[in-house]
N, C-alpha and C. Protein backbone atom coordinates (compact mmCIF):
# COMPACT_ATOMS: atom_id res chain seq x y z
N UNK A 1 172.25 7.11 2.19
CA UNK A 1 171.64 5.90 2.76
C UNK A 1 169.76 5.91 3.08
N UNK A 2 169.39 5.06 2.92
CA UNK A 2 167.82 4.47 3.55
C UNK A 2 167.63 3.16 3.94
N UNK A 3 166.90 3.39 4.82
CA UNK A 3 166.82 2.07 5.48
C UNK A 3 165.54 2.10 5.40
N UNK A 4 164.95 0.84 5.05
CA UNK A 4 163.97 -0.16 5.00
C UNK A 4 163.20 -0.97 5.98
N UNK A 5 161.97 -0.13 6.51
CA UNK A 5 161.64 -1.14 7.82
C UNK A 5 160.10 -1.42 7.76
N UNK A 6 160.21 -2.11 8.72
CA UNK A 6 158.77 -3.50 8.46
C UNK A 6 157.46 -2.07 8.27
N UNK A 7 157.33 -0.90 8.98
CA UNK A 7 155.66 -0.27 9.02
C UNK A 7 156.10 0.85 9.16
N UNK A 8 155.27 1.73 9.31
CA UNK A 8 155.34 2.80 10.03
C UNK A 8 155.54 3.05 11.10
N UNK A 9 155.50 2.32 11.78
CA UNK A 9 155.61 2.44 13.66
C UNK A 9 156.83 2.05 13.57
N UNK A 10 157.56 1.81 12.78
CA UNK A 10 159.20 1.47 13.18
C UNK A 10 159.23 2.85 13.02
N UNK A 11 159.24 3.15 11.56
CA UNK A 11 159.78 4.15 10.80
C UNK A 11 159.65 5.34 11.39
N UNK A 12 158.55 5.66 13.13
CA UNK A 12 158.51 6.45 13.74
C UNK A 12 159.47 6.28 14.97
N UNK A 13 159.28 5.18 14.95
CA UNK A 13 160.60 4.75 16.11
C UNK A 13 161.92 5.32 15.78
N UNK A 14 162.58 4.05 14.80
CA UNK A 14 164.16 4.56 14.60
C UNK A 14 164.13 6.84 14.14
N UNK A 15 163.21 7.45 13.79
CA UNK A 15 163.17 8.23 14.03
C UNK A 15 163.79 9.24 15.25
N UNK A 16 162.70 8.85 16.24
CA UNK A 16 162.59 9.01 17.08
C UNK A 16 164.78 9.05 17.70
N UNK A 17 165.14 8.07 17.43
CA UNK A 17 166.62 7.70 18.07
C UNK A 17 166.92 7.88 16.79
N UNK A 18 167.43 8.83 15.74
CA UNK A 18 168.09 8.96 14.79
C UNK A 18 169.86 9.31 15.52
N UNK A 19 169.84 9.92 16.56
CA UNK A 19 170.86 10.34 16.71
C UNK A 19 171.60 9.14 17.32
N UNK A 20 171.30 8.54 18.02
CA UNK A 20 171.90 6.91 17.90
C UNK A 20 172.06 5.77 16.68
N UNK A 21 171.08 6.10 15.69
CA UNK A 21 171.42 5.21 14.41
C UNK A 21 172.57 6.14 14.23
N UNK A 22 172.40 7.23 13.60
CA UNK A 22 173.77 8.59 12.85
C UNK A 22 175.17 7.55 13.85
N UNK A 23 174.46 7.92 14.92
CA UNK A 23 175.83 6.92 15.98
C UNK A 23 177.06 6.21 15.25
N UNK A 24 176.01 4.58 15.03
CA UNK A 24 176.26 3.30 14.89
C UNK A 24 176.81 3.35 13.93
N UNK A 25 176.14 4.36 13.07
CA UNK A 25 176.91 3.68 11.62
C UNK A 25 178.03 4.60 11.14
N UNK A 26 177.96 5.80 11.75
CA UNK A 26 179.99 6.05 12.14
C UNK A 26 180.44 5.48 12.42
N UNK A 27 180.10 4.63 13.59
CA UNK A 27 181.23 3.74 14.12
C UNK A 27 181.54 2.65 13.25
N UNK A 28 180.57 2.33 12.55
CA UNK A 28 180.86 1.13 11.42
C UNK A 28 181.52 1.78 10.39
N UNK A 29 181.41 3.15 9.69
CA UNK A 29 182.51 3.77 8.86
C UNK A 29 183.82 3.93 9.29
N UNK A 30 184.07 4.36 10.34
CA UNK A 30 184.76 4.97 10.99
C UNK A 30 186.17 3.39 11.29
N UNK A 31 185.20 2.06 11.27
CA UNK A 31 186.12 1.22 11.37
C UNK A 31 186.77 0.48 10.16
N UNK A 32 186.13 1.03 9.11
CA UNK A 32 186.40 0.09 7.74
C UNK A 32 187.38 0.89 6.60
N UNK A 33 188.01 0.25 6.42
CA UNK A 33 188.92 0.45 5.22
C UNK A 33 187.94 0.51 3.79
N UNK A 34 189.15 1.78 3.32
CA UNK A 34 188.24 1.43 1.64
C UNK A 34 188.61 0.24 0.80
N UNK A 35 189.79 -0.43 1.14
CA UNK A 35 189.41 -1.12 0.21
C UNK A 35 188.60 -2.39 0.59
N UNK A 36 187.83 -2.71 1.95
CA UNK A 36 187.03 -3.62 2.14
C UNK A 36 185.76 -3.10 1.83
N UNK A 37 185.27 -1.91 1.43
CA UNK A 37 183.81 -1.56 0.64
C UNK A 37 184.11 -0.88 -0.88
N UNK A 38 184.56 -0.98 -1.18
CA UNK A 38 184.94 -0.77 -2.79
C UNK A 38 184.27 -1.74 -3.80
N UNK A 39 184.07 -2.75 -3.17
CA UNK A 39 183.35 -3.97 -4.40
C UNK A 39 181.68 -4.06 -4.22
N UNK A 40 181.26 -4.58 -4.62
CA UNK A 40 180.42 -5.10 -4.61
C UNK A 40 179.48 -5.82 -3.51
N UNK A 41 180.97 -6.77 -2.98
CA UNK A 41 180.50 -7.80 -2.00
C UNK A 41 180.70 -7.20 -0.39
N UNK A 42 181.71 -5.94 -0.56
CA UNK A 42 182.30 -5.44 0.76
C UNK A 42 181.10 -4.64 1.02
N UNK A 43 180.28 -4.20 -0.08
CA UNK A 43 179.38 -3.08 -0.12
C UNK A 43 178.31 -3.93 1.14
N UNK A 44 177.77 -5.02 0.47
CA UNK A 44 177.02 -6.13 1.00
C UNK A 44 177.38 -6.23 2.50
N UNK A 45 178.36 -6.04 2.78
CA UNK A 45 178.56 -7.05 4.02
C UNK A 45 178.41 -5.09 4.66
N UNK A 46 178.76 -4.11 4.03
CA UNK A 46 178.50 -2.98 5.19
C UNK A 46 177.61 -2.94 5.45
N UNK A 47 176.31 -3.07 4.11
CA UNK A 47 175.08 -3.15 4.60
C UNK A 47 174.89 -3.85 5.48
N UNK A 48 174.60 -5.45 5.61
CA UNK A 48 174.77 -6.25 6.52
C UNK A 48 174.73 -5.33 7.96
N UNK A 49 176.20 -5.66 8.33
CA UNK A 49 177.08 -4.58 9.11
C UNK A 49 175.99 -3.37 9.88
N UNK A 50 175.40 -2.68 8.86
CA UNK A 50 174.35 -1.69 9.70
C UNK A 50 173.14 -2.46 10.27
N UNK A 51 172.50 -2.77 9.05
CA UNK A 51 171.66 -3.50 9.60
C UNK A 51 171.40 -4.15 11.12
N UNK A 52 172.56 -4.57 10.99
CA UNK A 52 172.42 -5.32 12.10
C UNK A 52 172.79 -4.47 13.57
N UNK A 53 173.39 -3.61 13.32
CA UNK A 53 173.72 -2.67 14.46
C UNK A 53 172.75 -1.79 14.97
N UNK A 54 171.57 -1.42 13.00
CA UNK A 54 170.25 -0.80 13.48
C UNK A 54 169.17 -1.45 14.55
N UNK A 55 168.93 -3.00 14.25
CA UNK A 55 168.71 -3.77 14.89
C UNK A 55 168.90 -3.89 16.34
N UNK A 56 169.70 -3.02 16.60
CA UNK A 56 169.95 -3.25 18.57
C UNK A 56 168.66 -2.74 19.04
N UNK A 57 168.47 -2.93 20.14
CA UNK A 57 167.96 -2.19 20.69
C UNK A 57 168.55 -0.77 21.31
N UNK A 58 167.68 0.19 21.38
CA UNK A 58 168.00 1.49 21.53
C UNK A 58 168.13 1.92 23.27
N UNK A 59 167.67 1.12 23.80
CA UNK A 59 167.52 1.05 25.25
C UNK A 59 167.80 -0.03 25.80
N UNK A 60 168.65 -0.55 27.06
CA UNK A 60 169.08 -1.16 28.26
C UNK A 60 167.01 -2.88 27.63
N UNK A 61 166.29 -2.15 28.07
CA UNK A 61 164.57 -2.60 27.87
C UNK A 61 164.38 -2.97 26.71
N UNK A 62 164.41 -2.10 25.50
CA UNK A 62 163.83 -2.14 24.66
C UNK A 62 163.90 -3.36 23.81
N UNK A 63 163.12 -3.13 22.81
CA UNK A 63 163.13 -4.02 21.77
C UNK A 63 163.91 -4.12 20.55
N UNK A 64 164.17 -5.02 20.08
CA UNK A 64 165.00 -5.16 18.85
C UNK A 64 163.97 -4.78 17.54
N UNK A 65 164.64 -3.69 16.38
CA UNK A 65 164.32 -2.43 15.51
C UNK A 65 163.94 -3.57 14.47
N UNK A 66 162.70 -4.08 13.67
CA UNK A 66 162.28 -4.28 12.29
C UNK A 66 162.89 -3.67 11.34
N UNK A 67 164.30 -4.09 10.90
CA UNK A 67 164.68 -2.93 9.91
C UNK A 67 164.80 -4.71 8.25
N UNK A 68 164.42 -4.13 7.16
CA UNK A 68 165.05 -4.99 6.46
C UNK A 68 165.36 -4.93 5.30
N UNK A 69 166.24 -4.03 4.74
CA UNK A 69 167.58 -3.66 4.02
C UNK A 69 167.31 -2.18 4.22
N UNK A 70 169.20 -2.26 3.84
CA UNK A 70 169.80 -0.67 3.41
C UNK A 70 170.48 -0.69 2.48
N UNK A 71 169.83 0.71 1.66
CA UNK A 71 169.90 1.21 0.01
C UNK A 71 171.20 2.11 0.29
N UNK A 72 172.45 1.71 -0.65
CA UNK A 72 172.94 3.39 -0.14
C UNK A 72 172.59 3.77 -1.86
N UNK A 73 172.46 5.24 -1.25
CA UNK A 73 172.16 6.08 -2.69
C UNK A 73 172.61 7.28 -2.84
N UNK A 74 173.75 6.52 -2.34
CA UNK A 74 175.41 7.61 -2.39
C UNK A 74 176.20 6.94 -2.07
N UNK A 75 177.15 7.10 -2.48
CA UNK A 75 178.57 6.51 -2.06
C UNK A 75 180.13 6.74 -2.05
N UNK A 76 181.15 7.41 -1.26
CA UNK A 76 181.98 8.17 -1.78
C UNK A 76 182.35 8.01 -1.18
N UNK A 77 184.31 7.34 -1.73
CA UNK A 77 184.97 7.15 -0.61
C UNK A 77 186.26 7.40 -0.76
N UNK A 78 186.74 7.88 0.70
CA UNK A 78 188.10 8.39 -0.22
C UNK A 78 189.31 8.26 0.76
């Protein structure tokens, strides 16, 4: 998966918090059933969920992230 952000500054911010990003994405993925994400519409909803989670601030007083889109570069459902 690739995340598209607003600028280089935002990219660097997300890199600093990459463990939190991965955790948030894994929590979303683990809550989904294969039947929910095996259609194009399901993948779009999944991308929207991922964007919403990554946009949330990484700290209590932090600013929201500026995420434009999520692109799936590989997708395996087991």
